[in-house]
Amino acid sequence: MPALLEVTLHTPHARPTGLLGVPLHGLIFSALEAVSPALSAQIHAAQVKPFRIAQSWWEEGEGLHRVTFQLGVLDDSLIDPMLAALAEGTEHGDPEATLRGVVVDLQVLAQESYEALYSRHAQSVTGRQLSLRFLTPTTFRVTDLELPFPTPKTVFAGLQVRWEHFCDLHFGPDLNDWVSRAVRVQDFRLRSRTVYFKGMRGNAMSACVGDVDYSITRPGDAEPTFVRLLADYANYAGVGYKTTFGLGHVEAAGWRDSALEATGDAVGAVGIGEQDVSV
């Protein structure tokens, strides 16, 4: 049952330099370790991570600063431990941590079972236009290099891996081949971003933010449903590389059919924020 949480912390410390998603990553694992050290270690070692850190905001205050961030949880079994770990009033981070603070608010912004998500798309979502907005720097790992452009194949291959890791409904190995032939980039408005991480031998990663419109150009049996479904799932899962560090926050909208194109009404559209984002 994927869920999207929003967490607000109060901290007396100055804003950490660099990517805010990096100290938030450490804070999440510190919080989970306080609930279950075994669970924290298990998630840290997992190849496919069951959560991702999304967009975040830092607000300067008098004495106390406020940091708000979104958190996507992909594994049903992790939702309750995560809610317990980040319960209001809990304090996280030791004196040597880059970021530490007290949770002052925890909201569940969205939550839907994998089965309900699939049923909704299979029954009533029929459009062939998809719009993705990349709110935090996004890049894809391809043959040990970064690919900063969200091609259909890279976007949906990663989403399929995450979906099939946490849900028994599998789309099959041929879906990505169909995507490479049937889904095209219709328009894009992207800006380049450079991302640095400690411990990466000083190498910068190339990434992008902005908007991409995709179009499903060929008929299919279940494949169009799966593509629309995975685009919707991206709202929970994020896309691309290092999503647990705040990269790859995407919000998806669209799935318009021909009748709705004229009115501008979207089927299953998700609201897209215009706020400044720090990761």
Protein backbone atom coordinates (compact mmCIF):
# COMPACT_ATOMS: atom_id res chain seq x y z
CA MET A 1 0.00 0.00 0.00
CA PRO A 2 2.14 2.93 -1.17
CA ALA A 3 1.77 6.11 0.87
CA LEU A 4 2.99 9.69 0.63
CA LEU A 5 3.82 11.32 3.97
CA GLU A 6 4.73 14.90 4.83
CA VAL A 7 6.96 15.45 7.87
CA THR A 8 7.76 18.75 9.57
CA LEU A 9 10.71 19.17 11.94
CA HIS A 10 11.93 21.96 14.19
CA THR A 11 15.69 22.26 14.43
CA PRO A 12 17.90 24.81 16.22
CA HIS A 13 20.75 24.28 13.76
CA ALA A 14 21.63 26.18 10.61
CA ARG A 15 20.70 24.73 7.26
CA PRO A 16 23.22 22.06 6.21
CA THR A 17 25.21 22.87 3.10
CA GLY A 18 24.64 20.90 -0.08
CA LEU A 19 21.75 18.55 -0.75
CA LEU A 20 19.17 18.66 2.02
CA GLY A 21 18.10 15.14 1.04
CA VAL A 22 21.47 13.79 2.27
CA PRO A 23 21.05 14.70 5.97
CA LEU A 24 17.36 13.78 5.76
CA HIS A 25 18.45 10.35 4.54
CA GLY A 26 20.57 9.96 7.69
CA LEU A 27 17.76 11.24 9.88
CA ILE A 28 15.29 8.69 8.48
CA PHE A 29 17.65 5.80 9.20
CA SER A 30 18.33 7.17 12.69
CA ALA A 31 14.58 7.30 13.34
CA LEU A 32 14.04 3.75 12.05
CA GLU A 33 16.95 2.43 14.12
CA ALA A 34 15.30 3.79 17.26
CA VAL A 35 12.19 1.70 16.43
CA SER A 36 13.96 -1.40 15.10
CA PRO A 37 17.73 -1.66 14.53
CA ALA A 38 17.18 -4.86 12.54
CA LEU A 39 14.67 -3.16 10.22
CA SER A 40 16.99 -0.20 9.70
CA ALA A 41 19.87 -2.54 8.79
CA GLN A 42 17.64 -4.57 6.48
CA ILE A 43 16.49 -1.49 4.56
CA HIS A 44 20.01 -0.10 4.37
CA ALA A 45 21.19 -3.33 2.73
CA ALA A 46 18.22 -3.68 0.36
CA GLN A 47 18.96 -3.28 -3.34
CA VAL A 48 15.49 -1.85 -4.00
CA LYS A 49 14.75 0.66 -1.26
CA PRO A 50 11.19 0.68 0.16
CA PHE A 51 11.06 4.46 0.59
CA ARG A 52 12.19 7.64 -1.11
CA ILE A 53 12.71 11.20 0.07
CA ALA A 54 10.84 13.74 -2.01
CA GLN A 55 10.87 17.52 -2.17
CA SER A 56 11.75 19.53 0.93
CA TRP A 57 11.49 23.10 2.20
CA TRP A 58 13.66 24.97 4.70
CA GLU A 59 12.19 27.97 6.52
CA GLU A 60 14.38 30.22 8.65
CA GLY A 61 12.97 31.09 12.07
CA GLU A 62 13.85 32.88 15.30
CA GLY A 63 15.87 30.32 17.24
CA LEU A 64 14.09 27.35 15.66
CA HIS A 65 14.07 26.60 11.96
CA ARG A 66 11.43 24.57 10.18
CA VAL A 67 12.12 21.85 7.62
CA THR A 68 9.30 20.08 5.82
CA PHE A 69 9.83 17.13 3.52
CA GLN A 70 7.78 14.52 1.75
CA LEU A 71 8.43 10.81 2.08
CA GLY A 72 7.17 8.07 -0.23
CA VAL A 73 6.72 4.64 1.40
CA LEU A 74 6.41 1.73 -1.04
CA ASP A 75 6.29 -1.35 1.19
CA ASP A 76 3.10 -2.15 3.12
CA SER A 77 5.08 -3.53 6.03
CA LEU A 78 7.10 -0.32 6.41
CA ILE A 79 4.21 2.12 6.81
CA ASP A 80 3.45 1.47 10.48
CA PRO A 81 7.14 1.44 11.58
CA MET A 82 7.73 4.67 9.63
CA LEU A 83 4.72 6.35 11.24
CA ALA A 84 5.96 5.22 14.66
CA ALA A 85 9.52 6.35 13.96
CA LEU A 86 8.38 9.83 12.86
CA ALA A 87 5.57 10.34 15.37
CA GLU A 88 4.98 13.88 16.59
CA GLY A 89 7.25 14.77 19.50
CA THR A 90 10.02 12.33 18.61
CA GLU A 91 13.54 13.72 18.44
CA HIS A 92 16.11 12.42 15.96
CA GLY A 93 19.81 12.87 15.40
CA ASP A 94 22.75 12.67 17.79
CA PRO A 95 24.99 15.67 18.66
CA GLU A 96 27.31 14.87 15.74
CA ALA A 97 24.52 14.61 13.14
CA THR A 98 24.39 17.15 10.31
CA LEU A 99 20.66 17.58 10.87
CA ARG A 100 18.70 16.82 13.99
CA GLY A 101 15.37 18.00 15.27
CA VAL A 102 11.95 17.27 16.70
CA VAL A 103 8.97 16.12 14.63
CA VAL A 104 6.15 18.66 15.05
CA ASP A 105 3.77 17.42 12.37
CA LEU A 106 3.19 14.23 10.40
CA GLN A 107 0.53 14.01 7.69
CA VAL A 108 -0.51 11.20 5.34
CA LEU A 109 -1.05 13.05 2.05
CA ALA A 110 -2.07 10.01 0.00
CA GLN A 111 -2.40 6.28 0.47
CA GLU A 112 -3.80 3.64 -1.87
CA SER A 113 -3.36 -0.11 -2.12
CA TYR A 114 -1.53 -1.56 -5.10
CA GLU A 115 -4.72 -3.44 -6.01
CA ALA A 116 -6.88 -0.30 -5.89
CA LEU A 117 -4.35 1.63 -7.95
CA TYR A 118 -4.41 -1.06 -10.63
CA SER A 119 -8.21 -1.42 -10.59
CA ARG A 120 -8.76 2.32 -11.02
CA HIS A 121 -6.56 2.45 -14.11
CA ALA A 122 -7.86 -0.80 -15.60
CA GLN A 123 -11.48 0.29 -15.29
CA SER A 124 -11.64 3.97 -16.13
CA VAL A 125 -8.36 5.57 -17.26
CA THR A 126 -7.98 5.53 -21.03
CA GLY A 127 -6.00 8.59 -22.14
CA ARG A 128 -2.75 8.48 -24.12
CA GLN A 129 -1.06 11.68 -22.89
CA LEU A 130 1.20 11.66 -19.83
CA SER A 131 2.88 14.64 -18.21
CA LEU A 132 5.70 14.32 -15.69
CA ARG A 133 7.13 17.24 -13.72
CA PHE A 134 10.59 16.61 -12.26
CA LEU A 135 10.67 18.77 -9.13
CA THR A 136 14.07 17.74 -7.79
CA PRO A 137 17.19 16.92 -9.82
CA THR A 138 16.65 13.66 -11.69
CA THR A 139 19.15 11.39 -13.35
CA PHE A 140 19.36 7.74 -14.39
CA ARG A 141 22.23 5.32 -13.96
CA VAL A 142 23.09 3.67 -17.28
CA THR A 143 26.28 1.62 -17.73
CA ASP A 144 27.99 3.40 -14.80
CA LEU A 145 27.21 6.85 -16.21
CA GLU A 146 24.43 9.34 -15.54
CA LEU A 147 21.77 9.92 -18.16
CA PRO A 148 20.14 13.26 -17.29
CA PHE A 149 17.31 12.98 -19.83
CA PRO A 150 14.17 11.02 -18.85
CA THR A 151 13.64 8.78 -21.86
CA PRO A 152 10.49 6.62 -21.72
CA LYS A 153 12.53 3.44 -21.46
CA THR A 154 14.59 4.57 -18.47
CA VAL A 155 11.63 6.13 -16.65
CA PHE A 156 9.29 3.14 -16.93
CA ALA A 157 11.95 0.44 -16.51
CA GLY A 158 12.84 1.78 -13.06
CA LEU A 159 9.21 2.19 -12.07
CA GLN A 160 8.46 -1.39 -13.15
CA VAL A 161 11.32 -2.71 -11.00
CA ARG A 162 10.01 -0.89 -7.94
CA TRP A 163 6.39 -1.91 -8.55
CA GLU A 164 7.18 -5.59 -9.09
CA HIS A 165 9.45 -5.69 -6.05
CA PHE A 166 6.63 -4.65 -3.71
CA CYS A 167 3.54 -5.99 -5.51
CA ASP A 168 2.60 -9.48 -6.70
CA LEU A 169 1.09 -8.09 -9.92
CA HIS A 170 3.87 -8.29 -12.51
CA PHE A 171 3.77 -6.77 -15.98
CA GLY A 172 6.20 -9.18 -17.61
CA PRO A 173 9.63 -8.78 -19.23
CA ASP A 174 8.26 -7.50 -22.57
CA LEU A 175 6.73 -4.29 -21.22
CA ASN A 176 9.88 -2.21 -21.51
CA ASP A 177 10.42 -3.31 -25.10
CA TRP A 178 6.86 -2.19 -25.87
CA VAL A 179 7.51 1.15 -24.11
CA SER A 180 10.59 1.78 -26.26
CA ARG A 181 8.45 1.31 -29.40
CA ALA A 182 5.16 2.85 -28.30
CA VAL A 183 5.85 5.75 -25.93
CA ARG A 184 7.52 8.87 -27.29
CA VAL A 185 8.56 12.23 -25.91
CA GLN A 186 6.07 14.73 -27.27
CA ASP A 187 7.48 17.88 -25.66
CA PHE A 188 9.94 18.82 -22.93
CA ARG A 189 10.95 21.88 -20.94
CA LEU A 190 13.99 20.79 -18.94
CA ARG A 191 16.85 22.60 -17.23
CA SER A 192 20.16 21.02 -16.34
CA ARG A 193 21.33 20.65 -12.75
CA THR A 194 24.64 19.55 -11.27
CA VAL A 195 24.53 17.39 -8.15
CA TYR A 196 27.41 16.64 -5.79
CA PHE A 197 27.67 13.88 -3.21
CA LYS A 198 30.40 13.30 -0.65
CA GLY A 199 32.41 10.17 -1.23
CA MET A 200 32.01 10.20 -5.00
CA ARG A 201 35.65 11.17 -5.63
CA GLY A 202 34.67 14.74 -6.39
CA ASN A 203 32.63 13.76 -9.43
CA ALA A 204 29.49 15.74 -10.13
CA MET A 205 26.33 14.11 -11.43
CA SER A 206 24.38 15.60 -14.33
CA ALA A 207 20.65 15.85 -13.69
CA CYS A 208 17.57 17.72 -14.87
CA VAL A 209 14.44 19.42 -13.56
CA GLY A 210 11.36 20.51 -15.47
CA ASP A 211 8.53 19.03 -17.51
CA VAL A 212 8.20 16.26 -20.07
CA ASP A 213 5.07 15.31 -22.00
CA TYR A 214 4.83 11.74 -23.28
CA SER A 215 2.42 10.21 -25.74
CA ILE A 216 1.35 6.58 -26.15
CA THR A 217 1.47 6.26 -29.93
CA ARG A 218 0.59 2.60 -30.50
CA PRO A 219 -2.28 0.36 -29.44
CA GLY A 220 -1.71 -2.42 -26.99
CA ASP A 221 -3.56 -4.96 -24.89
CA ALA A 222 -2.70 -4.31 -21.25
CA GLU A 223 0.45 -2.27 -21.96
CA PRO A 224 -1.18 1.21 -22.11
CA THR A 225 -2.88 0.51 -18.77
CA PHE A 226 0.44 -0.53 -17.26
CA VAL A 227 2.20 2.60 -18.54
CA ARG A 228 -0.49 4.92 -17.17
CA LEU A 229 -0.44 3.00 -13.91
CA LEU A 230 3.33 3.28 -13.53
CA ALA A 231 3.18 7.02 -14.25
CA ASP A 232 0.67 7.36 -11.41
CA TYR A 233 2.87 5.19 -9.18
CA ALA A 234 5.73 7.62 -9.78
CA ASN A 235 3.95 10.05 -7.47
CA TYR A 236 4.79 7.64 -4.64
CA ALA A 237 8.00 6.02 -5.87
CA GLY A 238 9.94 8.76 -7.62
CA VAL A 239 12.13 7.91 -10.59
CA GLY A 240 15.77 7.47 -11.39
CA TYR A 241 18.90 7.32 -9.26
CA LYS A 242 19.38 8.02 -5.52
CA THR A 243 15.73 8.67 -4.73
CA THR A 244 16.40 7.98 -1.03
CA PHE A 245 18.61 11.09 -1.06
CA GLY A 246 15.94 13.40 -2.44
CA LEU A 247 16.57 13.02 -6.17
CA GLY A 248 13.93 12.04 -8.70
CA HIS A 249 10.80 13.58 -7.16
CA VAL A 250 8.27 13.57 -9.97
CA GLU A 251 4.60 14.46 -10.05
CA ALA A 252 2.52 12.91 -12.80
CA ALA A 253 -0.68 14.16 -14.40
CA GLY A 254 -2.61 13.69 -17.61
CA TRP A 255 -4.09 10.49 -18.98
CA ARG A 256 -6.42 12.69 -21.06
CA ASP A 257 -8.72 11.13 -23.63
CA SER A 258 -9.73 12.87 -26.86
CA ALA A 259 -13.02 14.14 -25.44
CA LEU A 260 -11.39 15.70 -22.40
CA GLU A 261 -8.56 17.36 -24.33
CA ALA A 262 -10.93 20.10 -25.48
CA THR A 263 -12.15 20.89 -21.96
CA GLY A 264 -8.77 20.65 -20.26
CA ASP A 265 -10.10 18.25 -17.62
CA ALA A 266 -7.60 15.59 -16.56
CA VAL A 267 -8.36 12.03 -15.58
CA GLY A 268 -6.60 11.05 -12.38
CA ALA A 269 -4.55 14.25 -12.40
CA VAL A 270 -2.37 15.05 -9.41
CA GLY A 271 -1.89 18.66 -8.38
CA ILE A 272 1.56 20.01 -9.14
CA GLY A 273 3.09 22.50 -6.73
CA GLU A 274 4.87 25.68 -7.76
CA GLN A 275 6.94 26.02 -4.60
CA ASP A 276 10.70 26.31 -4.58
CA VAL A 277 12.33 23.03 -3.68
CA SER A 278 15.59 22.27 -1.92
CA VAL A 279 17.01 18.77 -1.82
